[in-house]
Each structure stands twice: as structure tokens, then as C-alpha cells.
Protein backbone atom coordinates (compact mmCIF):
# COMPACT_ATOMS: atom_id res chain seq x y z
CA MET A 1 -18.60 45.61 0.07
CA THR A 2 -18.58 42.14 1.53
CA LEU A 3 -17.13 43.39 4.82
CA ARG A 4 -19.69 46.26 5.00
CA MET A 5 -22.56 43.90 4.38
CA TYR A 6 -21.26 41.61 7.11
CA ALA A 7 -20.81 44.47 9.59
CA ASP A 8 -24.28 45.82 8.87
CA ARG A 9 -25.84 42.40 9.31
CA LYS A 10 -24.07 41.83 12.61
CA GLY A 11 -24.67 45.38 13.83
CA LEU A 12 -20.95 46.11 14.07
CA SER A 13 -19.75 49.71 14.21
CA LEU A 14 -16.53 49.52 12.22
CA GLY A 15 -16.45 53.12 11.02
CA ARG A 16 -14.76 53.67 7.71
CA VAL A 17 -13.36 50.52 6.09
CA SER A 18 -10.97 50.73 3.19
CA VAL A 19 -9.09 48.06 1.27
CA ASP A 20 -5.83 48.55 -0.62
CA VAL A 21 -4.53 45.90 -2.97
CA SER A 22 -1.13 45.71 -4.55
CA HIS A 23 0.01 43.23 -7.26
CA ALA A 24 3.45 41.84 -8.09
CA LYS A 25 4.92 38.96 -10.02
CA MET A 26 7.29 36.82 -8.01
CA HIS A 27 9.12 33.51 -8.27
CA ALA A 28 7.05 30.70 -6.87
CA ARG A 29 10.05 29.49 -4.79
CA ASP A 30 9.95 32.84 -2.89
CA CYS A 31 6.18 32.69 -2.10
CA ALA A 32 5.62 32.26 1.64
CA GLU A 33 1.89 31.68 1.16
CA CYS A 34 2.34 28.98 -1.51
CA THR A 35 2.24 25.24 -0.90
CA ASP A 36 5.36 23.10 -1.42
CA GLU A 37 3.77 21.78 -4.60
CA GLU A 38 3.22 25.28 -5.94
CA ARG A 39 6.81 26.25 -5.11
CA GLU A 40 8.24 23.19 -6.82
CA GLY A 41 6.26 24.08 -9.96
CA GLY A 42 8.65 26.94 -10.47
CA GLY A 43 8.04 29.94 -12.65
CA ARG A 44 6.55 33.22 -11.68
CA ILE A 45 3.23 33.71 -9.97
CA ASP A 46 0.86 36.63 -9.41
CA ARG A 47 0.84 37.75 -5.76
CA PHE A 48 -1.75 40.16 -4.44
CA GLU A 49 -1.36 41.79 -1.02
CA ARG A 50 -4.57 43.10 0.59
CA VAL A 51 -4.51 45.57 3.49
CA ILE A 52 -7.79 46.19 5.27
CA SER A 53 -7.98 49.40 7.30
CA VAL A 54 -10.72 49.77 9.88
CA GLU A 55 -11.31 53.23 11.39
CA GLY A 56 -12.92 51.88 14.56
CA GLU A 57 -11.36 49.77 17.25
CA VAL A 58 -11.55 45.98 16.72
CA SER A 59 -10.51 43.10 18.84
CA GLU A 60 -8.05 40.56 17.61
CA GLU A 61 -10.93 38.05 17.40
CA LEU A 62 -12.90 40.43 15.18
CA ARG A 63 -9.82 41.12 13.01
CA ASP A 64 -9.50 37.39 12.37
CA LYS A 65 -13.21 37.23 11.51
CA LEU A 66 -12.95 40.19 9.11
CA ALA A 67 -10.01 38.53 7.38
CA GLU A 68 -12.07 35.35 7.04
CA ILE A 69 -15.07 37.24 5.64
CA ALA A 70 -12.82 39.15 3.18
CA GLY A 71 -11.68 35.78 1.92
CA LYS A 72 -15.23 35.02 0.94
CA CYS A 73 -15.54 38.09 -1.28
CA PRO A 74 -16.37 37.12 -4.92
CA VAL A 75 -13.39 39.15 -6.20
CA HIS A 76 -11.03 37.39 -3.78
CA ARG A 77 -12.29 33.99 -4.87
CA THR A 78 -11.82 34.88 -8.52
CA LEU A 79 -8.28 36.08 -7.97
CA GLU A 80 -7.39 32.92 -6.04
CA ALA A 81 -8.74 30.66 -8.80
CA LYS A 82 -6.58 30.10 -11.81
CA ALA A 83 -8.63 32.16 -14.19
CA LYS A 84 -8.28 32.34 -17.94
CA VAL A 85 -8.87 35.50 -19.96
CA ALA A 86 -10.55 35.22 -23.36
CA THR A 87 -10.25 38.31 -25.63
CA VAL A 88 -12.51 39.16 -28.53
CA VAL A 89 -11.96 42.25 -30.64
CA GLU A 90 -15.07 43.41 -32.44
CA ALA A 91 -14.95 45.97 -35.23
CA GLY A 92 -17.67 48.68 -35.36
CA ASP A 93 -18.34 47.86 -39.04
CA GLY A 94 -19.57 44.32 -38.38
CA GLY A 95 -16.06 42.82 -38.58
CA ALA A 96 -15.34 43.49 -42.25
CA GLY A 97 -11.78 44.32 -43.27
């Protein structure tokens, strides 16, 4: 959505744009994108791989710009942050029993 809004605002004809994301757990020491500090921390990390497919022809300069814009997507920012998940289970009977 972020890429489509950018393209529309700039009048770019990208054609169909699709994004595929895959997820894996990996050892921090094997993470090419991680900083040295993150690798030294050890343990396993979540790694997401995003592939953006553009139907139309784009220059290398525009590819770089699209990757930059994709990095500003709210979902991308959330995934890059070290988020916490809080879980609450509510019973339909007001929580009794």
C-alpha cells in the first residue's frame, strides 16, 4: 500500500506491484544483515525476507527508491522494532470460572 501511494503521488506507472514475505528463525551469528553487536548477542533471531515484484520496467535508481519507500511502511517499521506481544484471554461469560 505504501508503494502504491508513493507511485500514485509521483505519477509513476509501475503496473501491478506485489510483495511476498517469508519468515525464518536463524542464529544471530549467521545473519548477514545484523550488526556485529547483534551477532555477538547470540541466540536465534526472526528474519523476514521481502521480495517486491513490479510488473512494469523500472530503472535501478527507481528500484533503490522503491526499496527505501518500502522501508518506511508502518508494518516494516513494526517488524524491525523489538516488539512485545501481550495476550489477554476473555471469557464470554464475563470471566467467571
